Amino acid sequence: MGIRLLSILLGAAKQILKMQSVSVVCQSNVPKGHIPVYVGETERKRFFVPISYLSHPSFVDLLDRAEEEFGFSQPTGGLTIPCKEEAFIDVTSRLHTS
């Protein structure tokens, strides 16, 4: 089931990124091997997340919350994670050090 979930999440992330209407200049600002995500409950801040995080259980929990709130139709045209910025930074910093 984990492999299937990962393939679904990767497919969804690719679909969302394809749907983004971002200029060529902005696209070149995304580091290779990363995806842009928007984080915040009301005011959204853009972060770049390594693709490898998409398979980590802690990050999958954040993606599940995003799916519950927005489905696959994201309001910003990119992947939006509806959590506090501090919580997101805490999760990603733990992933970075592991």
N, C-alpha and C. Protein backbone atom coordinates (compact mmCIF):
# COMPACT_ATOMS: atom_id res chain seq x y z
N MET A 1 0.82 -1.19 0.00
CA MET A 1 0.00 0.00 0.00
C MET A 1 0.87 1.26 0.00
N GLY A 2 2.01 1.22 0.69
CA GLY A 2 2.87 2.38 0.75
C GLY A 2 3.41 2.78 -0.60
N ILE A 3 3.77 1.79 -1.42
CA ILE A 3 4.29 2.08 -2.76
C ILE A 3 3.18 2.68 -3.62
N ARG A 4 1.97 2.14 -3.49
CA ARG A 4 0.85 2.66 -4.27
C ARG A 4 0.54 4.10 -3.87
N LEU A 5 0.55 4.37 -2.56
CA LEU A 5 0.29 5.73 -2.07
C LEU A 5 1.35 6.68 -2.58
N LEU A 6 2.60 6.24 -2.56
CA LEU A 6 3.69 7.08 -3.04
C LEU A 6 3.51 7.40 -4.52
N SER A 7 3.15 6.40 -5.32
CA SER A 7 2.98 6.66 -6.75
C SER A 7 1.80 7.59 -6.99
N ILE A 8 0.75 7.48 -6.19
CA ILE A 8 -0.40 8.38 -6.32
C ILE A 8 0.01 9.80 -5.97
N LEU A 9 0.76 9.95 -4.87
CA LEU A 9 1.20 11.28 -4.44
C LEU A 9 2.15 11.91 -5.46
N LEU A 10 3.08 11.11 -5.99
CA LEU A 10 3.99 11.65 -6.99
C LEU A 10 3.24 12.06 -8.24
N GLY A 11 2.28 11.24 -8.64
CA GLY A 11 1.46 11.59 -9.81
C GLY A 11 0.68 12.86 -9.59
N ALA A 12 0.11 13.00 -8.38
CA ALA A 12 -0.66 14.20 -8.06
C ALA A 12 0.24 15.44 -8.03
N ALA A 13 1.42 15.29 -7.45
CA ALA A 13 2.35 16.42 -7.39
C ALA A 13 2.77 16.84 -8.79
N LYS A 14 3.03 15.85 -9.67
CA LYS A 14 3.41 16.17 -11.04
C LYS A 14 2.26 16.88 -11.76
N GLN A 15 1.03 16.39 -11.52
CA GLN A 15 -0.13 17.00 -12.17
C GLN A 15 -0.30 18.45 -11.71
N ILE A 16 -0.15 18.68 -10.43
CA ILE A 16 -0.30 20.04 -9.89
C ILE A 16 0.77 20.96 -10.47
N LEU A 17 2.00 20.46 -10.55
CA LEU A 17 3.08 21.28 -11.09
C LEU A 17 2.86 21.60 -12.56
N LYS A 18 2.31 20.66 -13.32
CA LYS A 18 2.03 20.91 -14.73
C LYS A 18 0.95 21.97 -14.88
N MET A 19 0.00 22.00 -13.94
CA MET A 19 -1.12 22.93 -14.03
C MET A 19 -0.74 24.35 -13.60
N GLN A 20 0.40 24.49 -12.96
CA GLN A 20 0.79 25.83 -12.51
C GLN A 20 0.97 26.76 -13.69
N SER A 21 0.44 27.94 -13.54
CA SER A 21 0.63 28.95 -14.59
C SER A 21 1.67 29.94 -14.10
N VAL A 22 2.92 29.47 -14.06
CA VAL A 22 4.04 30.27 -13.58
C VAL A 22 4.89 30.65 -14.78
N SER A 23 5.39 31.85 -14.79
CA SER A 23 6.21 32.30 -15.92
C SER A 23 7.52 31.50 -15.97
N VAL A 24 8.18 31.55 -17.11
CA VAL A 24 9.44 30.84 -17.30
C VAL A 24 10.48 31.34 -16.31
N VAL A 25 10.45 32.63 -16.02
CA VAL A 25 11.42 33.19 -15.08
C VAL A 25 11.25 32.58 -13.70
N CYS A 26 10.01 32.44 -13.24
CA CYS A 26 9.76 31.86 -11.93
C CYS A 26 10.12 30.39 -11.91
N GLN A 27 9.87 29.67 -13.00
CA GLN A 27 10.19 28.25 -13.05
C GLN A 27 11.68 28.02 -12.91
N SER A 28 12.49 28.92 -13.45
CA SER A 28 13.93 28.74 -13.37
C SER A 28 14.44 28.95 -11.95
N ASN A 29 13.63 29.53 -11.08
CA ASN A 29 14.03 29.77 -9.70
C ASN A 29 13.85 28.54 -8.82
N VAL A 30 13.18 27.51 -9.33
CA VAL A 30 12.96 26.29 -8.55
C VAL A 30 14.19 25.40 -8.70
N PRO A 31 14.86 25.09 -7.57
CA PRO A 31 16.05 24.25 -7.67
C PRO A 31 15.71 22.86 -8.22
N LYS A 32 16.63 22.30 -8.97
CA LYS A 32 16.43 20.97 -9.54
C LYS A 32 16.22 19.97 -8.41
N GLY A 33 15.24 19.09 -8.59
CA GLY A 33 14.95 18.07 -7.57
C GLY A 33 14.04 18.57 -6.46
N HIS A 34 13.44 19.72 -6.62
CA HIS A 34 12.56 20.31 -5.62
C HIS A 34 11.21 20.64 -6.24
N ILE A 35 10.21 20.81 -5.38
CA ILE A 35 8.92 21.31 -5.82
C ILE A 35 8.55 22.50 -4.95
N PRO A 36 7.88 23.49 -5.51
CA PRO A 36 7.43 24.61 -4.69
C PRO A 36 6.15 24.23 -3.97
N VAL A 37 6.05 24.59 -2.71
CA VAL A 37 4.82 24.40 -1.94
C VAL A 37 4.49 25.72 -1.25
N TYR A 38 3.22 25.93 -1.05
CA TYR A 38 2.75 27.13 -0.36
C TYR A 38 2.23 26.69 1.00
N VAL A 39 2.71 27.34 2.05
CA VAL A 39 2.41 26.91 3.41
C VAL A 39 1.78 28.06 4.18
N GLY A 40 0.76 27.74 4.96
CA GLY A 40 0.13 28.73 5.82
C GLY A 40 -1.36 28.51 5.88
N GLU A 41 -1.95 28.97 6.96
CA GLU A 41 -3.40 28.81 7.13
C GLU A 41 -4.16 29.94 6.46
N THR A 42 -3.65 31.16 6.55
CA THR A 42 -4.32 32.29 5.89
C THR A 42 -3.38 32.94 4.88
N GLU A 43 -2.22 33.35 5.34
CA GLU A 43 -1.22 33.95 4.46
C GLU A 43 -0.24 32.85 4.04
N ARG A 44 -0.05 32.67 2.75
CA ARG A 44 0.77 31.58 2.23
C ARG A 44 2.20 32.06 1.93
N LYS A 45 3.17 31.23 2.31
CA LYS A 45 4.57 31.50 2.02
C LYS A 45 5.10 30.36 1.16
N ARG A 46 5.91 30.68 0.17
CA ARG A 46 6.44 29.68 -0.76
C ARG A 46 7.74 29.08 -0.23
N PHE A 47 7.80 27.74 -0.28
CA PHE A 47 9.00 26.99 0.11
C PHE A 47 9.35 26.03 -1.02
N PHE A 48 10.60 25.63 -1.10
CA PHE A 48 11.04 24.61 -2.04
C PHE A 48 11.37 23.36 -1.25
N VAL A 49 10.73 22.26 -1.61
CA VAL A 49 10.87 21.01 -0.87
C VAL A 49 11.53 19.96 -1.77
N PRO A 50 12.55 19.27 -1.25
CA PRO A 50 13.15 18.18 -2.04
C PRO A 50 12.11 17.11 -2.35
N ILE A 51 12.15 16.59 -3.55
CA ILE A 51 11.19 15.57 -3.96
C ILE A 51 11.27 14.34 -3.05
N SER A 52 12.43 14.07 -2.49
CA SER A 52 12.59 12.91 -1.61
C SER A 52 11.69 12.98 -0.38
N TYR A 53 11.28 14.18 0.03
CA TYR A 53 10.39 14.32 1.19
C TYR A 53 9.00 13.75 0.94
N LEU A 54 8.61 13.64 -0.34
CA LEU A 54 7.25 13.20 -0.66
C LEU A 54 6.96 11.79 -0.18
N SER A 55 7.98 10.99 0.06
CA SER A 55 7.76 9.62 0.50
C SER A 55 7.89 9.44 2.01
N HIS A 56 8.27 10.47 2.72
CA HIS A 56 8.46 10.36 4.18
C HIS A 56 7.11 10.46 4.89
N PRO A 57 6.85 9.55 5.85
CA PRO A 57 5.55 9.53 6.54
C PRO A 57 5.13 10.87 7.16
N SER A 58 6.05 11.61 7.71
CA SER A 58 5.70 12.91 8.31
C SER A 58 5.20 13.89 7.26
N PHE A 59 5.85 13.87 6.10
CA PHE A 59 5.44 14.78 5.03
C PHE A 59 4.15 14.28 4.38
N VAL A 60 3.99 12.97 4.29
CA VAL A 60 2.75 12.40 3.75
C VAL A 60 1.56 12.84 4.59
N ASP A 61 1.74 12.94 5.91
CA ASP A 61 0.66 13.45 6.78
C ASP A 61 0.26 14.86 6.38
N LEU A 62 1.24 15.71 6.07
CA LEU A 62 0.93 17.07 5.63
C LEU A 62 0.20 17.05 4.29
N LEU A 63 0.62 16.16 3.39
CA LEU A 63 -0.04 16.05 2.09
C LEU A 63 -1.48 15.56 2.24
N ASP A 64 -1.70 14.64 3.20
CA ASP A 64 -3.06 14.16 3.45
C ASP A 64 -3.96 15.29 3.93
N ARG A 65 -3.41 16.16 4.79
CA ARG A 65 -4.19 17.32 5.26
C ARG A 65 -4.54 18.25 4.11
N ALA A 66 -3.59 18.43 3.19
CA ALA A 66 -3.83 19.27 2.02
C ALA A 66 -4.92 18.66 1.15
N GLU A 67 -4.87 17.34 0.97
CA GLU A 67 -5.88 16.68 0.15
C GLU A 67 -7.26 16.79 0.79
N GLU A 68 -7.33 16.62 2.12
CA GLU A 68 -8.62 16.73 2.82
C GLU A 68 -9.23 18.12 2.65
N GLU A 69 -8.39 19.14 2.72
CA GLU A 69 -8.91 20.51 2.66
C GLU A 69 -9.18 20.98 1.24
N PHE A 70 -8.27 20.68 0.31
CA PHE A 70 -8.37 21.23 -1.03
C PHE A 70 -8.64 20.21 -2.12
N GLY A 71 -8.44 18.93 -1.84
CA GLY A 71 -8.51 17.93 -2.90
C GLY A 71 -7.32 18.15 -3.82
N PHE A 72 -7.51 17.89 -5.10
CA PHE A 72 -6.40 18.09 -6.03
C PHE A 72 -6.56 19.39 -6.80
N SER A 73 -7.54 20.19 -6.42
CA SER A 73 -7.73 21.50 -7.02
C SER A 73 -7.19 22.54 -6.05
N GLN A 74 -5.93 22.85 -6.17
CA GLN A 74 -5.26 23.75 -5.23
C GLN A 74 -5.57 25.20 -5.57
N PRO A 75 -5.85 26.05 -4.57
CA PRO A 75 -6.24 27.44 -4.81
C PRO A 75 -5.14 28.30 -5.41
N THR A 76 -3.88 28.01 -5.15
CA THR A 76 -2.80 28.85 -5.65
C THR A 76 -2.24 28.36 -6.98
N GLY A 77 -2.74 27.23 -7.45
CA GLY A 77 -2.19 26.64 -8.67
C GLY A 77 -0.99 25.78 -8.38
N GLY A 78 -0.51 25.79 -7.15
CA GLY A 78 0.60 24.95 -6.71
C GLY A 78 0.14 24.13 -5.52
N LEU A 79 1.01 23.34 -5.00
CA LEU A 79 0.69 22.50 -3.86
C LEU A 79 0.62 23.38 -2.61
N THR A 80 -0.55 23.43 -1.99
CA THR A 80 -0.77 24.24 -0.79
C THR A 80 -0.94 23.33 0.41
N ILE A 81 -0.17 23.58 1.47
CA ILE A 81 -0.25 22.78 2.69
C ILE A 81 -0.84 23.68 3.78
N PRO A 82 -2.04 23.31 4.27
CA PRO A 82 -2.74 24.16 5.23
C PRO A 82 -2.31 23.89 6.68
N CYS A 83 -1.13 24.36 7.03
CA CYS A 83 -0.68 24.24 8.41
C CYS A 83 0.10 25.49 8.76
N LYS A 84 0.39 25.66 10.02
CA LYS A 84 1.17 26.81 10.43
C LYS A 84 2.59 26.67 9.90
N GLU A 85 3.15 27.80 9.55
CA GLU A 85 4.51 27.82 8.99
C GLU A 85 5.51 27.18 9.95
N GLU A 86 5.35 27.43 11.24
CA GLU A 86 6.27 26.88 12.24
C GLU A 86 6.21 25.35 12.25
N ALA A 87 5.00 24.78 12.12
CA ALA A 87 4.84 23.32 12.10
C ALA A 87 5.51 22.73 10.86
N PHE A 88 5.33 23.39 9.73
CA PHE A 88 5.95 22.93 8.49
C PHE A 88 7.48 22.95 8.60
N ILE A 89 8.01 24.03 9.12
CA ILE A 89 9.46 24.14 9.29
C ILE A 89 9.97 23.08 10.25
N ASP A 90 9.22 22.80 11.30
CA ASP A 90 9.61 21.76 12.26
C ASP A 90 9.69 20.40 11.57
N VAL A 91 8.66 20.06 10.78
CA VAL A 91 8.66 18.76 10.09
C VAL A 91 9.80 18.67 9.09
N THR A 92 9.95 19.70 8.27
CA THR A 92 11.00 19.64 7.23
C THR A 92 12.41 19.69 7.82
N SER A 93 12.59 20.38 8.93
CA SER A 93 13.91 20.41 9.53
C SER A 93 14.27 19.05 10.12
N ARG A 94 13.28 18.34 10.67
CA ARG A 94 13.53 16.97 11.15
C ARG A 94 13.87 16.04 9.99
N LEU A 95 13.22 16.23 8.84
CA LEU A 95 13.51 15.40 7.68
C LEU A 95 14.90 15.70 7.13
N HIS A 96 15.29 16.97 7.19
CA HIS A 96 16.59 17.38 6.68
C HIS A 96 17.73 16.78 7.50
N THR A 97 17.54 16.65 8.80
CA THR A 97 18.59 16.13 9.68
C THR A 97 18.60 14.61 9.75
N SER A 98 17.52 13.96 9.26
CA SER A 98 17.49 12.49 9.36
C SER A 98 18.15 11.82 8.18
